[in-house]
Amino acid sequence: MLFLDELGEFPRSALDNLRQPLEDGVVLVCRARQSVSFPARFLLVAATNPCPCGLGGPLGACACSPAVRMRYERRVSGPLLDRFDLRVVVSRPEVSDLLDDRRPQPSAVVAARVAAVRAAAAERGVRCNAELAGSALDRVARLSVEAKRLVEHRLRSGRLSARGLVRVRRLARTIADLDAEDGGVVDERAVAAALDLRADVSTLLAGSWTPS
């Protein structure tokens, strides 16, 4: 696992160098007379504020100039963000949530659900659904008629790329597995949930959200 905190503080050249390892699972080092390939399959997790001051969400609260915000946003390219399976905007918690004394779901319960999903992925010949190839998706994650309409709208509006569609189908398959839904078809509910967990690139880059 590679965790990058304050993603927007990294040089864009360094971030864009992650795109090929994320796609191919290898790092290729080329010199004048030789090139060497190193294995580099990893899970990338990142977090960032919407701007350098961290207050870009609330109207009028941000202390950054438009030029500063624009430079900050441009460090994280759309093609890099497109390679994230999950893109979640985290807002400030409500006071009622902070004072809620209800206990969350125990980790052991969540771990058991994850283990069941990993076992289902292993039966498909992969460690996790994120490794499913396109041909396998056609077998285990076919889209229902309603789900196809949903992704078609996103594709035609330019809010979903071809790469993103593959990732949405993998995630939808995982959501269906978590709900113990067997079969090779993912329905509209699972696809809608996958899309909700994949915030639009324009939303993430616009800096119009509240930092965690």
N, C-alpha and C. Protein backbone atom coordinates (compact mmCIF):
# COMPACT_ATOMS: atom_id res chain seq x y z
N MET A 1 0.84 -1.19 0.00
CA MET A 1 0.00 0.00 0.00
C MET A 1 0.88 1.24 0.00
N LEU A 2 0.51 2.20 -0.83
CA LEU A 2 1.19 3.50 -0.86
C LEU A 2 0.16 4.56 -0.50
N PHE A 3 0.37 5.25 0.61
CA PHE A 3 -0.54 6.30 1.06
C PHE A 3 0.13 7.65 0.85
N LEU A 4 -0.51 8.52 0.08
CA LEU A 4 -0.01 9.87 -0.17
C LEU A 4 -0.92 10.85 0.53
N ASP A 5 -0.43 11.44 1.62
CA ASP A 5 -1.20 12.46 2.32
C ASP A 5 -0.92 13.81 1.67
N GLU A 6 -1.93 14.69 1.65
CA GLU A 6 -1.82 15.99 1.00
C GLU A 6 -1.38 15.81 -0.46
N LEU A 7 -2.18 15.10 -1.21
CA LEU A 7 -1.84 14.77 -2.59
C LEU A 7 -1.51 16.01 -3.41
N GLY A 8 -2.22 17.10 -3.17
CA GLY A 8 -2.00 18.32 -3.94
C GLY A 8 -0.68 19.01 -3.69
N GLU A 9 0.07 18.55 -2.69
CA GLU A 9 1.37 19.15 -2.40
C GLU A 9 2.51 18.50 -3.18
N PHE A 10 2.24 17.35 -3.80
CA PHE A 10 3.29 16.66 -4.56
C PHE A 10 3.46 17.31 -5.93
N PRO A 11 4.68 17.32 -6.47
CA PRO A 11 4.88 17.84 -7.84
C PRO A 11 4.06 17.01 -8.83
N ARG A 12 3.49 17.67 -9.82
CA ARG A 12 2.66 16.96 -10.79
C ARG A 12 3.46 15.90 -11.54
N SER A 13 4.72 16.18 -11.83
CA SER A 13 5.54 15.21 -12.56
C SER A 13 5.68 13.91 -11.76
N ALA A 14 5.85 14.03 -10.43
CA ALA A 14 5.97 12.83 -9.59
C ALA A 14 4.67 12.05 -9.57
N LEU A 15 3.54 12.74 -9.49
CA LEU A 15 2.25 12.07 -9.46
C LEU A 15 1.95 11.37 -10.78
N ASP A 16 2.24 12.04 -11.89
CA ASP A 16 1.94 11.44 -13.19
C ASP A 16 2.82 10.23 -13.47
N ASN A 17 3.98 10.15 -12.81
CA ASN A 17 4.83 8.97 -12.97
C ASN A 17 4.21 7.73 -12.34
N LEU A 18 3.18 7.90 -11.53
CA LEU A 18 2.49 6.76 -10.94
C LEU A 18 1.49 6.11 -11.89
N ARG A 19 1.14 6.80 -12.97
CA ARG A 19 0.08 6.30 -13.84
C ARG A 19 0.43 4.97 -14.49
N GLN A 20 1.65 4.83 -14.99
CA GLN A 20 2.02 3.58 -15.65
C GLN A 20 2.12 2.41 -14.67
N PRO A 21 2.74 2.57 -13.49
CA PRO A 21 2.72 1.45 -12.53
C PRO A 21 1.31 1.07 -12.09
N LEU A 22 0.43 2.05 -11.92
CA LEU A 22 -0.94 1.75 -11.54
C LEU A 22 -1.65 0.93 -12.61
N GLU A 23 -1.36 1.23 -13.86
CA GLU A 23 -2.04 0.56 -14.96
C GLU A 23 -1.45 -0.83 -15.22
N ASP A 24 -0.12 -0.93 -15.19
CA ASP A 24 0.55 -2.17 -15.62
C ASP A 24 1.09 -3.01 -14.47
N GLY A 25 1.20 -2.42 -13.26
CA GLY A 25 1.74 -3.17 -12.14
C GLY A 25 3.24 -3.36 -12.18
N VAL A 26 3.94 -2.58 -12.99
CA VAL A 26 5.40 -2.65 -13.07
C VAL A 26 5.98 -1.25 -13.19
N VAL A 27 7.23 -1.11 -12.81
CA VAL A 27 7.99 0.13 -13.01
C VAL A 27 9.08 -0.16 -14.02
N LEU A 28 9.09 0.59 -15.10
CA LEU A 28 10.09 0.40 -16.15
C LEU A 28 11.14 1.50 -16.05
N VAL A 29 12.38 1.12 -15.79
CA VAL A 29 13.50 2.06 -15.70
C VAL A 29 14.34 1.92 -16.96
N CYS A 30 14.42 2.99 -17.72
CA CYS A 30 15.14 2.96 -19.00
C CYS A 30 16.37 3.85 -18.92
N ARG A 31 17.48 3.32 -19.39
CA ARG A 31 18.71 4.09 -19.53
C ARG A 31 19.19 3.97 -20.97
N ALA A 32 20.35 4.50 -21.25
CA ALA A 32 20.82 4.59 -22.63
C ALA A 32 20.90 3.22 -23.30
N ARG A 33 21.42 2.22 -22.60
CA ARG A 33 21.65 0.92 -23.22
C ARG A 33 20.83 -0.22 -22.61
N GLN A 34 20.02 0.08 -21.63
CA GLN A 34 19.33 -1.01 -20.95
C GLN A 34 18.03 -0.51 -20.33
N SER A 35 17.06 -1.39 -20.24
CA SER A 35 15.82 -1.10 -19.51
C SER A 35 15.52 -2.28 -18.61
N VAL A 36 15.04 -1.97 -17.41
CA VAL A 36 14.77 -3.00 -16.41
C VAL A 36 13.36 -2.80 -15.89
N SER A 37 12.63 -3.90 -15.75
CA SER A 37 11.26 -3.85 -15.26
C SER A 37 11.21 -4.42 -13.85
N PHE A 38 10.60 -3.67 -12.92
CA PHE A 38 10.46 -4.10 -11.53
C PHE A 38 8.98 -4.28 -11.21
N PRO A 39 8.62 -5.32 -10.47
CA PRO A 39 7.21 -5.49 -10.09
C PRO A 39 6.78 -4.37 -9.16
N ALA A 40 5.59 -3.85 -9.39
CA ALA A 40 5.12 -2.72 -8.57
C ALA A 40 3.59 -2.69 -8.53
N ARG A 41 2.98 -3.79 -8.15
CA ARG A 41 1.53 -3.80 -8.00
C ARG A 41 1.19 -3.40 -6.57
N PHE A 42 0.51 -2.29 -6.41
CA PHE A 42 0.26 -1.75 -5.08
C PHE A 42 -1.12 -1.11 -5.03
N LEU A 43 -1.58 -0.87 -3.82
CA LEU A 43 -2.83 -0.16 -3.58
C LEU A 43 -2.49 1.28 -3.26
N LEU A 44 -3.01 2.20 -4.06
CA LEU A 44 -2.74 3.62 -3.86
C LEU A 44 -3.91 4.26 -3.13
N VAL A 45 -3.60 4.89 -2.00
CA VAL A 45 -4.59 5.62 -1.21
C VAL A 45 -4.07 7.05 -1.06
N ALA A 46 -4.94 8.03 -1.25
CA ALA A 46 -4.50 9.41 -1.16
C ALA A 46 -5.57 10.26 -0.50
N ALA A 47 -5.12 11.36 0.09
CA ALA A 47 -6.03 12.33 0.70
C ALA A 47 -5.51 13.72 0.39
N THR A 48 -6.42 14.67 0.25
CA THR A 48 -5.98 16.03 -0.04
C THR A 48 -7.05 17.02 0.40
N ASN A 49 -6.63 18.23 0.69
CA ASN A 49 -7.53 19.34 0.93
C ASN A 49 -7.88 19.99 -0.40
N PRO A 50 -8.94 20.80 -0.45
CA PRO A 50 -9.31 21.43 -1.71
C PRO A 50 -8.40 22.58 -2.13
N CYS A 51 -7.58 23.07 -1.21
CA CYS A 51 -6.69 24.19 -1.52
C CYS A 51 -5.61 24.23 -0.43
N PRO A 52 -4.55 25.05 -0.60
CA PRO A 52 -3.47 25.06 0.40
C PRO A 52 -3.91 25.44 1.80
N CYS A 53 -4.87 26.36 1.95
CA CYS A 53 -5.29 26.76 3.29
C CYS A 53 -6.22 25.75 3.92
N GLY A 54 -6.81 24.87 3.10
CA GLY A 54 -7.68 23.83 3.63
C GLY A 54 -9.10 24.25 3.89
N LEU A 55 -9.47 25.47 3.51
CA LEU A 55 -10.83 25.97 3.79
C LEU A 55 -11.58 26.29 2.50
N GLY A 56 -11.27 25.56 1.44
CA GLY A 56 -11.86 25.89 0.14
C GLY A 56 -13.34 25.65 0.02
N GLY A 57 -13.91 24.86 0.90
CA GLY A 57 -15.32 24.54 0.75
C GLY A 57 -16.27 25.66 1.11
N PRO A 58 -16.28 26.13 2.38
CA PRO A 58 -17.24 27.16 2.77
C PRO A 58 -17.03 28.45 2.01
N LEU A 59 -18.12 29.03 1.51
CA LEU A 59 -18.04 30.25 0.72
C LEU A 59 -17.45 31.39 1.54
N GLY A 60 -16.41 32.03 1.00
CA GLY A 60 -15.80 33.17 1.66
C GLY A 60 -14.77 32.82 2.71
N ALA A 61 -14.63 31.54 3.04
CA ALA A 61 -13.69 31.16 4.10
C ALA A 61 -12.28 30.97 3.58
N CYS A 62 -12.12 30.65 2.29
CA CYS A 62 -10.81 30.35 1.73
C CYS A 62 -9.93 31.59 1.68
N ALA A 63 -8.68 31.44 2.12
CA ALA A 63 -7.72 32.55 2.12
C ALA A 63 -6.83 32.54 0.89
N CYS A 64 -7.04 31.58 -0.03
CA CYS A 64 -6.19 31.45 -1.21
C CYS A 64 -6.75 32.26 -2.37
N SER A 65 -5.85 32.83 -3.16
CA SER A 65 -6.28 33.55 -4.35
C SER A 65 -6.71 32.56 -5.43
N PRO A 66 -7.51 33.00 -6.42
CA PRO A 66 -7.91 32.09 -7.50
C PRO A 66 -6.71 31.48 -8.23
N ALA A 67 -5.63 32.26 -8.41
CA ALA A 67 -4.45 31.73 -9.09
C ALA A 67 -3.79 30.63 -8.27
N VAL A 68 -3.72 30.81 -6.96
CA VAL A 68 -3.12 29.80 -6.09
C VAL A 68 -3.95 28.53 -6.11
N ARG A 69 -5.27 28.67 -6.06
CA ARG A 69 -6.14 27.50 -6.09
C ARG A 69 -6.02 26.76 -7.41
N MET A 70 -5.91 27.51 -8.50
CA MET A 70 -5.81 26.87 -9.81
C MET A 70 -4.51 26.08 -9.93
N ARG A 71 -3.39 26.64 -9.45
CA ARG A 71 -2.12 25.92 -9.49
C ARG A 71 -2.20 24.66 -8.64
N TYR A 72 -2.86 24.75 -7.50
CA TYR A 72 -2.99 23.60 -6.60
C TYR A 72 -3.81 22.49 -7.25
N GLU A 73 -4.92 22.88 -7.88
CA GLU A 73 -5.79 21.90 -8.53
C GLU A 73 -5.09 21.20 -9.68
N ARG A 74 -4.27 21.92 -10.42
CA ARG A 74 -3.64 21.36 -11.62
C ARG A 74 -2.54 20.36 -11.31
N ARG A 75 -2.12 20.27 -10.07
CA ARG A 75 -1.08 19.29 -9.74
C ARG A 75 -1.60 17.86 -9.85
N VAL A 76 -2.89 17.68 -9.65
CA VAL A 76 -3.49 16.34 -9.74
C VAL A 76 -4.25 16.26 -11.05
N SER A 77 -3.72 15.50 -11.99
CA SER A 77 -4.31 15.45 -13.32
C SER A 77 -5.55 14.57 -13.35
N GLY A 78 -6.43 14.87 -14.31
CA GLY A 78 -7.60 14.04 -14.52
C GLY A 78 -7.27 12.59 -14.82
N PRO A 79 -6.28 12.31 -15.70
CA PRO A 79 -5.92 10.92 -15.98
C PRO A 79 -5.46 10.14 -14.73
N LEU A 80 -4.79 10.81 -13.79
CA LEU A 80 -4.40 10.12 -12.56
C LEU A 80 -5.63 9.82 -11.72
N LEU A 81 -6.52 10.80 -11.55
CA LEU A 81 -7.72 10.58 -10.76
C LEU A 81 -8.60 9.49 -11.38
N ASP A 82 -8.55 9.38 -12.70
CA ASP A 82 -9.37 8.38 -13.38
C ASP A 82 -8.94 6.97 -13.01
N ARG A 83 -7.74 6.82 -12.47
CA ARG A 83 -7.23 5.49 -12.11
C ARG A 83 -7.58 5.11 -10.67
N PHE A 84 -8.28 5.97 -9.95
CA PHE A 84 -8.75 5.64 -8.61
C PHE A 84 -10.12 4.97 -8.73
N ASP A 85 -10.25 3.79 -8.13
CA ASP A 85 -11.54 3.10 -8.14
C ASP A 85 -12.56 3.83 -7.28
N LEU A 86 -12.12 4.35 -6.16
CA LEU A 86 -12.99 5.06 -5.22
C LEU A 86 -12.51 6.50 -5.10
N ARG A 87 -13.44 7.43 -5.30
CA ARG A 87 -13.12 8.85 -5.12
C ARG A 87 -14.25 9.44 -4.28
N VAL A 88 -13.96 9.68 -3.02
CA VAL A 88 -15.00 10.07 -2.07
C VAL A 88 -14.71 11.46 -1.52
N VAL A 89 -15.69 12.34 -1.59
CA VAL A 89 -15.60 13.66 -0.99
C VAL A 89 -16.02 13.55 0.46
N VAL A 90 -15.14 13.96 1.36
CA VAL A 90 -15.41 13.84 2.80
C VAL A 90 -15.69 15.24 3.35
N SER A 91 -16.91 15.46 3.81
CA SER A 91 -17.30 16.76 4.36
C SER A 91 -17.06 16.79 5.87
N ARG A 92 -17.12 17.98 6.42
CA ARG A 92 -17.01 18.10 7.88
C ARG A 92 -18.18 17.36 8.53
N PRO A 93 -17.92 16.63 9.62
CA PRO A 93 -19.01 15.92 10.29
C PRO A 93 -19.97 16.89 10.95
N GLU A 94 -21.24 16.52 10.98
CA GLU A 94 -22.24 17.31 11.69
C GLU A 94 -22.02 17.17 13.19
N VAL A 95 -22.43 18.19 13.94
CA VAL A 95 -22.29 18.15 15.39
C VAL A 95 -23.04 16.95 15.96
N SER A 96 -24.23 16.67 15.39
CA SER A 96 -25.02 15.55 15.88
C SER A 96 -24.29 14.22 15.69
N ASP A 97 -23.51 14.13 14.59
CA ASP A 97 -22.74 12.90 14.36
C ASP A 97 -21.61 12.76 15.37
N LEU A 98 -20.98 13.88 15.71
CA LEU A 98 -19.88 13.83 16.67
C LEU A 98 -20.36 13.43 18.06
N LEU A 99 -21.60 13.80 18.38
CA LEU A 99 -22.13 13.52 19.71
C LEU A 99 -22.97 12.25 19.76
N ASP A 100 -23.08 11.55 18.63
CA ASP A 100 -23.86 10.32 18.58
C ASP A 100 -23.10 9.21 19.31
N ASP A 101 -23.73 8.62 20.32
CA ASP A 101 -23.05 7.59 21.12
C ASP A 101 -23.37 6.18 20.66
N ARG A 102 -24.01 6.05 19.51
CA ARG A 102 -24.26 4.71 18.98
C ARG A 102 -22.96 4.09 18.48
N ARG A 103 -22.78 2.82 18.78
CA ARG A 103 -21.55 2.13 18.41
C ARG A 103 -21.60 1.75 16.93
N PRO A 104 -20.50 1.96 16.21
CA PRO A 104 -20.48 1.54 14.80
C PRO A 104 -20.40 0.03 14.69
N GLN A 105 -20.53 -0.47 13.47
CA GLN A 105 -20.46 -1.90 13.24
C GLN A 105 -19.07 -2.41 13.65
N PRO A 106 -18.99 -3.49 14.43
CA PRO A 106 -17.69 -3.99 14.88
C PRO A 106 -16.79 -4.38 13.71
N SER A 107 -15.50 -4.21 13.88
CA SER A 107 -14.54 -4.54 12.83
C SER A 107 -14.59 -6.02 12.47
N ALA A 108 -14.86 -6.87 13.44
CA ALA A 108 -14.91 -8.31 13.16
C ALA A 108 -16.03 -8.65 12.19
N VAL A 109 -17.15 -7.95 12.31
CA VAL A 109 -18.27 -8.18 11.39
C VAL A 109 -17.90 -7.74 9.98
N VAL A 110 -17.27 -6.58 9.88
CA VAL A 110 -16.85 -6.07 8.57
C VAL A 110 -15.80 -6.99 7.96
N ALA A 111 -14.86 -7.45 8.79
CA ALA A 111 -13.80 -8.34 8.30
C ALA A 111 -14.37 -9.63 7.74
N ALA A 112 -15.41 -10.15 8.36
CA ALA A 112 -16.02 -11.38 7.88
C ALA A 112 -16.66 -11.17 6.51
N ARG A 113 -17.28 -10.03 6.31
CA ARG A 113 -17.90 -9.72 5.02
C ARG A 113 -16.83 -9.58 3.94
N VAL A 114 -15.73 -8.92 4.30
CA VAL A 114 -14.63 -8.74 3.34
C VAL A 114 -14.03 -10.09 2.98
N ALA A 115 -13.86 -10.95 3.97
CA ALA A 115 -13.29 -12.27 3.70
C ALA A 115 -14.18 -13.07 2.76
N ALA A 116 -15.50 -12.95 2.92
CA ALA A 116 -16.42 -13.66 2.03
C ALA A 116 -16.31 -13.15 0.60
N VAL A 117 -16.13 -11.84 0.44
CA VAL A 117 -15.99 -11.27 -0.90
C VAL A 117 -14.67 -11.70 -1.52
N ARG A 118 -13.60 -11.73 -0.73
CA ARG A 118 -12.31 -12.19 -1.24
C ARG A 118 -12.37 -13.67 -1.65
N ALA A 119 -13.13 -14.45 -0.90
CA ALA A 119 -13.29 -15.86 -1.25
C ALA A 119 -14.02 -16.00 -2.58
N ALA A 120 -15.01 -15.16 -2.81
CA ALA A 120 -15.73 -15.18 -4.09
C ALA A 120 -14.81 -14.78 -5.23
N ALA A 121 -13.94 -13.79 -4.99
CA ALA A 121 -12.98 -13.38 -6.01
C ALA A 121 -11.99 -14.50 -6.31
N ALA A 122 -11.56 -15.21 -5.27
CA ALA A 122 -10.61 -16.31 -5.47
C ALA A 122 -11.21 -17.40 -6.35
N GLU A 123 -12.51 -17.64 -6.21
CA GLU A 123 -13.17 -18.62 -7.07
C GLU A 123 -13.18 -18.18 -8.53
N ARG A 124 -13.03 -16.88 -8.76
CA ARG A 124 -12.96 -16.34 -10.13
C ARG A 124 -11.53 -16.31 -10.63
N GLY A 125 -10.57 -16.73 -9.81
CA GLY A 125 -9.19 -16.81 -10.23
C GLY A 125 -8.37 -15.56 -9.98
N VAL A 126 -8.87 -14.64 -9.14
CA VAL A 126 -8.14 -13.40 -8.83
C VAL A 126 -8.12 -13.21 -7.32
N ARG A 127 -7.21 -12.35 -6.85
CA ARG A 127 -7.15 -12.07 -5.42
C ARG A 127 -8.30 -11.18 -4.97
N CYS A 128 -8.68 -10.24 -5.84
CA CYS A 128 -9.79 -9.33 -5.55
C CYS A 128 -10.42 -8.91 -6.87
N ASN A 129 -11.63 -8.39 -6.81
CA ASN A 129 -12.35 -8.05 -8.03
C ASN A 129 -11.66 -6.95 -8.84
N ALA A 130 -10.80 -6.16 -8.20
CA ALA A 130 -10.08 -5.11 -8.91
C ALA A 130 -9.15 -5.68 -9.97
N GLU A 131 -8.83 -6.98 -9.89
CA GLU A 131 -7.93 -7.61 -10.86
C GLU A 131 -8.68 -8.29 -12.00
N LEU A 132 -10.01 -8.22 -12.00
CA LEU A 132 -10.78 -8.86 -13.06
C LEU A 132 -10.53 -8.19 -14.41
N ALA A 133 -10.20 -9.00 -15.41
CA ALA A 133 -9.99 -8.48 -16.76
C ALA A 133 -11.34 -8.24 -17.45
N GLY A 134 -11.27 -7.53 -18.59
CA GLY A 134 -12.49 -7.22 -19.30
C GLY A 134 -13.29 -8.44 -19.69
N SER A 135 -12.61 -9.49 -20.14
CA SER A 135 -13.31 -10.71 -20.54
C SER A 135 -14.00 -11.36 -19.36
N ALA A 136 -13.38 -11.31 -18.20
CA ALA A 136 -13.99 -11.88 -17.00
C ALA A 136 -15.19 -11.06 -16.56
N LEU A 137 -15.12 -9.74 -16.72
CA LEU A 137 -16.25 -8.88 -16.35
C LEU A 137 -17.47 -9.22 -17.20
N ASP A 138 -17.24 -9.55 -18.46
CA ASP A 138 -18.37 -9.92 -19.32
C ASP A 138 -19.05 -11.20 -18.83
N ARG A 139 -18.33 -11.97 -18.04
CA ARG A 139 -18.90 -13.21 -17.54
C ARG A 139 -19.50 -13.05 -16.15
N VAL A 140 -18.86 -12.27 -15.28
CA VAL A 140 -19.31 -12.20 -13.88
C VAL A 140 -19.93 -10.86 -13.51
N ALA A 141 -19.84 -9.86 -14.38
CA ALA A 141 -20.37 -8.53 -14.05
C ALA A 141 -21.08 -7.93 -15.26
N ARG A 142 -21.94 -8.71 -15.88
CA ARG A 142 -22.74 -8.17 -16.98
C ARG A 142 -23.72 -7.14 -16.43
N LEU A 143 -23.97 -6.09 -17.18
CA LEU A 143 -24.86 -5.03 -16.72
C LEU A 143 -26.30 -5.37 -17.08
N SER A 144 -27.21 -5.16 -16.12
CA SER A 144 -28.62 -5.31 -16.42
C SER A 144 -29.05 -4.20 -17.38
N VAL A 145 -30.24 -4.31 -17.92
CA VAL A 145 -30.73 -3.31 -18.87
C VAL A 145 -30.77 -1.93 -18.21
N GLU A 146 -31.27 -1.85 -17.00
CA GLU A 146 -31.35 -0.57 -16.28
C GLU A 146 -29.96 -0.03 -15.96
N ALA A 147 -29.04 -0.92 -15.60
CA ALA A 147 -27.68 -0.48 -15.30
C ALA A 147 -26.99 0.06 -16.54
N LYS A 148 -27.26 -0.56 -17.69
CA LYS A 148 -26.68 -0.08 -18.95
C LYS A 148 -27.16 1.33 -19.26
N ARG A 149 -28.43 1.60 -19.01
CA ARG A 149 -28.96 2.95 -19.26
C ARG A 149 -28.25 3.97 -18.37
N LEU A 150 -27.99 3.57 -17.14
CA LEU A 150 -27.34 4.47 -16.19
C LEU A 150 -25.93 4.83 -16.63
N VAL A 151 -25.13 3.84 -16.99
CA VAL A 151 -23.76 4.13 -17.39
C VAL A 151 -23.71 4.78 -18.77
N GLU A 152 -24.67 4.47 -19.63
CA GLU A 152 -24.71 5.12 -20.95
C GLU A 152 -24.87 6.63 -20.80
N HIS A 153 -25.71 7.04 -19.87
CA HIS A 153 -25.90 8.48 -19.63
C HIS A 153 -24.60 9.12 -19.17
N ARG A 154 -23.88 8.45 -18.27
CA ARG A 154 -22.61 8.99 -17.78
C ARG A 154 -21.57 9.06 -18.91
N LEU A 155 -21.53 8.03 -19.75
CA LEU A 155 -20.57 8.00 -20.84
C LEU A 155 -20.85 9.09 -21.85
N ARG A 156 -22.11 9.26 -22.22
CA ARG A 156 -22.47 10.26 -23.24
C ARG A 156 -22.27 11.68 -22.74
N SER A 157 -22.41 11.89 -21.44
CA SER A 157 -22.22 13.23 -20.88
C SER A 157 -20.76 13.54 -20.61
N GLY A 158 -19.87 12.56 -20.82
CA GLY A 158 -18.45 12.77 -20.59
C GLY A 158 -18.04 12.67 -19.14
N ARG A 159 -18.93 12.21 -18.28
CA ARG A 159 -18.63 12.10 -16.86
C ARG A 159 -18.04 10.75 -16.49
N LEU A 160 -17.92 9.87 -17.47
CA LEU A 160 -17.33 8.55 -17.24
C LEU A 160 -16.53 8.16 -18.47
N SER A 161 -15.29 7.70 -18.26
CA SER A 161 -14.42 7.30 -19.36
C SER A 161 -14.52 5.80 -19.57
N ALA A 162 -13.90 5.31 -20.64
CA ALA A 162 -13.88 3.87 -20.89
C ALA A 162 -13.14 3.15 -19.77
N ARG A 163 -12.03 3.73 -19.30
CA ARG A 163 -11.31 3.14 -18.18
C ARG A 163 -12.19 3.15 -16.93
N GLY A 164 -12.90 4.25 -16.74
CA GLY A 164 -13.76 4.36 -15.58
C GLY A 164 -14.89 3.35 -15.60
N LEU A 165 -15.40 3.04 -16.79
CA LEU A 165 -16.48 2.05 -16.89
C LEU A 165 -16.02 0.69 -16.39
N VAL A 166 -14.81 0.29 -16.75
CA VAL A 166 -14.28 -0.98 -16.27
C VAL A 166 -14.19 -0.98 -14.75
N ARG A 167 -13.72 0.11 -14.20
CA ARG A 167 -13.57 0.19 -12.75
C ARG A 167 -14.92 0.21 -12.04
N VAL A 168 -15.90 0.86 -12.65
CA VAL A 168 -17.24 0.87 -12.07
C VAL A 168 -17.83 -0.53 -12.05
N ARG A 169 -17.62 -1.29 -13.11
CA ARG A 169 -18.15 -2.66 -13.16
C ARG A 169 -17.49 -3.54 -12.10
N ARG A 170 -16.19 -3.38 -11.91
CA ARG A 170 -15.51 -4.14 -10.86
C ARG A 170 -16.06 -3.79 -9.48
N LEU A 171 -16.24 -2.51 -9.25
CA LEU A 171 -16.74 -2.07 -7.95
C LEU A 171 -18.18 -2.52 -7.74
N ALA A 172 -18.99 -2.44 -8.80
CA ALA A 172 -20.38 -2.89 -8.70
C ALA A 172 -20.44 -4.38 -8.37
N ARG A 173 -19.52 -5.17 -8.97
CA ARG A 173 -19.47 -6.59 -8.66
C ARG A 173 -19.14 -6.81 -7.17
N THR A 174 -18.24 -6.00 -6.65
CA THR A 174 -17.86 -6.10 -5.24
C THR A 174 -19.03 -5.73 -4.34
N ILE A 175 -19.76 -4.67 -4.69
CA ILE A 175 -20.92 -4.26 -3.90
C ILE A 175 -21.98 -5.36 -3.90
N ALA A 176 -22.20 -5.97 -5.06
CA ALA A 176 -23.15 -7.08 -5.13
C ALA A 176 -22.67 -8.26 -4.28
N ASP A 177 -21.36 -8.52 -4.28
CA ASP A 177 -20.82 -9.60 -3.47
C ASP A 177 -21.01 -9.32 -1.98
N LEU A 178 -20.83 -8.06 -1.57
CA LEU A 178 -21.02 -7.70 -0.17
C LEU A 178 -22.47 -7.93 0.27
N ASP A 179 -23.38 -7.78 -0.67
CA ASP A 179 -24.79 -8.03 -0.38
C ASP A 179 -25.19 -9.47 -0.65
N ALA A 180 -24.18 -10.33 -0.90
CA ALA A 180 -24.40 -11.76 -1.13
C ALA A 180 -25.33 -12.00 -2.31
N GLU A 181 -25.18 -11.18 -3.36
CA GLU A 181 -25.97 -11.36 -4.57
C GLU A 181 -25.15 -12.17 -5.57
N ASP A 182 -25.54 -13.39 -5.80
CA ASP A 182 -24.82 -14.27 -6.71
C ASP A 182 -25.24 -14.00 -8.15
N GLY A 183 -24.60 -14.70 -9.06
CA GLY A 183 -24.95 -14.55 -10.47
C GLY A 183 -23.96 -13.66 -11.20
N GLY A 184 -24.07 -13.64 -12.52
CA GLY A 184 -23.13 -12.89 -13.33
C GLY A 184 -23.60 -11.51 -13.74
N VAL A 185 -24.75 -11.06 -13.21
CA VAL A 185 -25.31 -9.76 -13.59
C VAL A 185 -25.27 -8.81 -12.40
N VAL A 186 -24.87 -7.56 -12.65
CA VAL A 186 -24.96 -6.52 -11.62
C VAL A 186 -26.10 -5.59 -11.99
N ASP A 187 -26.93 -5.26 -11.01
CA ASP A 187 -28.13 -4.49 -11.31
C ASP A 187 -27.90 -2.99 -11.16
N GLU A 188 -28.96 -2.23 -11.38
CA GLU A 188 -28.88 -0.78 -11.34
C GLU A 188 -28.46 -0.27 -9.97
N ARG A 189 -28.94 -0.92 -8.91
CA ARG A 189 -28.62 -0.48 -7.56
C ARG A 189 -27.12 -0.56 -7.29
N ALA A 190 -26.50 -1.69 -7.66
CA ALA A 190 -25.07 -1.86 -7.43
C ALA A 190 -24.26 -0.88 -8.27
N VAL A 191 -24.67 -0.66 -9.52
CA VAL A 191 -23.95 0.27 -10.39
C VAL A 191 -24.12 1.71 -9.90
N ALA A 192 -25.32 2.07 -9.45
CA ALA A 192 -25.54 3.42 -8.92
C ALA A 192 -24.68 3.66 -7.69
N ALA A 193 -24.56 2.65 -6.83
CA ALA A 193 -23.72 2.78 -5.65
C ALA A 193 -22.26 2.94 -6.04
N ALA A 194 -21.82 2.19 -7.05
CA ALA A 194 -20.44 2.30 -7.53
C ALA A 194 -20.16 3.70 -8.08
N LEU A 195 -21.13 4.24 -8.81
CA LEU A 195 -20.97 5.59 -9.37
C LEU A 195 -20.95 6.64 -8.26
N ASP A 196 -21.76 6.44 -7.23
CA ASP A 196 -21.77 7.38 -6.11
C ASP A 196 -20.43 7.39 -5.38
N LEU A 197 -19.72 6.27 -5.40
CA LEU A 197 -18.42 6.17 -4.75
C LEU A 197 -17.28 6.60 -5.66
N ARG A 198 -17.65 7.13 -6.82
CA ARG A 198 -16.66 7.60 -7.80
C ARG A 198 -17.02 9.03 -8.17
N ALA A 199 -16.71 9.97 -7.29
CA ALA A 199 -17.06 11.36 -7.49
C ALA A 199 -16.49 11.88 -8.80
N ASP A 200 -17.24 12.75 -9.48
CA ASP A 200 -16.79 13.31 -10.75
C ASP A 200 -15.44 14.01 -10.58
N VAL A 201 -14.58 13.86 -11.59
CA VAL A 201 -13.27 14.54 -11.56
C VAL A 201 -13.45 16.03 -11.43
N SER A 202 -14.47 16.58 -12.12
CA SER A 202 -14.70 18.03 -12.08
C SER A 202 -14.99 18.50 -10.65
N THR A 203 -15.71 17.68 -9.88
CA THR A 203 -16.02 18.03 -8.50
C THR A 203 -14.76 18.03 -7.64
N LEU A 204 -13.92 17.03 -7.84
CA LEU A 204 -12.70 16.94 -7.04
C LEU A 204 -11.71 18.04 -7.38
N LEU A 205 -11.61 18.39 -8.66
CA LEU A 205 -10.63 19.39 -9.08
C LEU A 205 -11.11 20.81 -8.86
N ALA A 206 -12.43 21.00 -8.74
CA ALA A 206 -12.96 22.35 -8.63
C ALA A 206 -12.71 22.96 -7.25
N GLY A 207 -12.37 22.13 -6.27
CA GLY A 207 -12.15 22.64 -4.94
C GLY A 207 -13.41 23.17 -4.30
N SER A 208 -14.59 22.65 -4.69
CA SER A 208 -15.85 23.14 -4.17
C SER A 208 -16.38 22.29 -3.05
N TRP A 209 -15.53 21.47 -2.43
CA TRP A 209 -15.98 20.58 -1.37
C TRP A 209 -15.27 20.93 -0.07
N THR A 210 -15.76 20.38 1.00
CA THR A 210 -15.25 20.71 2.32
C THR A 210 -14.20 19.72 2.76
N PRO A 211 -13.06 20.15 3.28
CA PRO A 211 -12.01 19.22 3.68
C PRO A 211 -12.42 18.42 4.90
N SER A 212 -11.79 17.28 5.08
CA SER A 212 -12.05 16.46 6.26
C SER A 212 -11.28 17.00 7.47
